[in-house]
Amino acid sequence: MPAYLRQPSENRETAPIHLTPREHQVLLWCTYGKSSWEIGQILQCQESTVNFHVANILRKFDVPTRIAAVTKAIRCGLLAEQ
């Protein structure tokens, strides 16, 4: 069964998610609906590099899509206004 269909365990829900500064930047641009190519242009890096960071974000959040990652980040307070 895929990870996103399983019931969340207590450890996964309570464990803090650590993003690198670059992953946080990529996730922030994902919240604005930017594509990997657009994020690459903004951050002056390759689209493949953006996709690498997105894959890491999805793995860390244990979700299948960017939208799910953004939703979980908001719930965790990682994208709250500073």
Protein backbone atom coordinates (compact mmCIF):
# COMPACT_ATOMS: atom_id res chain seq x y z
CA MET A 1 0.00 0.00 0.00
CA PRO A 2 1.42 3.45 -0.89
CA ALA A 3 2.62 5.54 2.04
CA TYR A 4 0.08 8.30 1.41
CA LEU A 5 -2.83 5.84 1.79
CA ARG A 6 -1.68 4.47 5.14
CA GLN A 7 -2.94 5.82 8.42
CA PRO A 8 -0.39 8.26 9.85
CA SER A 9 1.57 6.96 12.81
CA GLU A 10 2.18 9.05 15.88
CA ASN A 11 5.93 9.28 15.23
CA ARG A 12 5.53 10.63 11.71
CA GLU A 13 2.99 13.24 12.75
CA THR A 14 4.94 14.52 15.74
CA ALA A 15 8.45 14.33 14.30
CA PRO A 16 9.62 17.75 13.10
CA ILE A 17 10.39 18.02 9.41
CA HIS A 18 13.70 19.67 8.63
CA LEU A 19 14.10 21.35 5.25
CA THR A 20 17.32 22.78 3.91
CA PRO A 21 17.21 26.49 3.07
CA ARG A 22 17.05 25.63 -0.66
CA GLU A 23 14.24 23.11 -0.13
CA HIS A 24 12.35 25.78 1.77
CA GLN A 25 12.80 28.22 -1.13
CA VAL A 26 11.59 25.62 -3.64
CA LEU A 27 8.59 24.77 -1.47
CA LEU A 28 7.74 28.46 -1.12
CA TRP A 29 7.71 28.90 -4.91
CA CYS A 30 5.58 25.74 -5.18
CA THR A 31 2.98 27.50 -3.03
CA TYR A 32 2.74 30.14 -5.75
CA GLY A 33 2.10 27.43 -8.34
CA LYS A 34 5.42 27.81 -10.12
CA SER A 35 6.65 24.98 -12.34
CA SER A 36 10.09 23.43 -11.95
CA TRP A 37 11.30 25.37 -14.97
CA GLU A 38 10.00 28.67 -13.53
CA ILE A 39 11.55 27.96 -10.12
CA GLY A 40 14.84 27.16 -11.85
CA GLN A 41 14.73 30.52 -13.63
CA ILE A 42 13.94 32.35 -10.38
CA LEU A 43 16.63 30.56 -8.34
CA GLN A 44 19.10 30.49 -11.23
CA CYS A 45 19.55 26.73 -11.27
CA GLN A 46 18.67 23.84 -13.55
CA GLU A 47 15.15 22.42 -13.75
CA SER A 48 16.62 19.01 -12.83
CA THR A 49 18.05 20.53 -9.64
CA VAL A 50 14.62 21.87 -8.72
CA ASN A 51 13.13 18.43 -9.36
CA PHE A 52 15.81 16.93 -7.07
CA HIS A 53 14.76 19.29 -4.27
CA VAL A 54 11.06 18.63 -4.90
CA ALA A 55 11.68 14.86 -4.66
CA ASN A 56 13.46 15.39 -1.32
CA ILE A 57 10.57 17.53 -0.06
CA LEU A 58 7.99 14.91 -1.06
CA ARG A 59 10.04 12.19 0.66
CA LYS A 60 10.48 14.23 3.85
CA PHE A 61 6.78 15.07 4.02
CA ASP A 62 5.82 11.52 2.98
CA VAL A 63 3.35 12.82 0.39
CA PRO A 64 2.82 12.09 -3.34
CA THR A 65 2.36 15.61 -4.76
CA ARG A 66 3.58 19.19 -4.43
CA ILE A 67 0.10 20.31 -3.39
CA ALA A 68 0.07 17.78 -0.56
CA ALA A 69 3.53 18.96 0.53
CA VAL A 70 2.41 22.60 0.57
CA THR A 71 -0.71 21.67 2.56
CA LYS A 72 1.32 19.71 5.10
CA ALA A 73 3.90 22.50 5.37
CA ILE A 74 1.17 25.02 6.13
CA ARG A 75 -0.31 22.72 8.78
CA CYS A 76 3.15 22.27 10.34
CA GLY A 77 3.72 26.03 10.36
CA LEU A 78 6.70 25.87 7.99
CA LEU A 79 5.18 28.40 5.60
CA ALA A 80 3.72 30.76 8.17
CA GLU A 81 4.39 34.44 7.60
CA GLN A 82 7.45 35.63 9.48
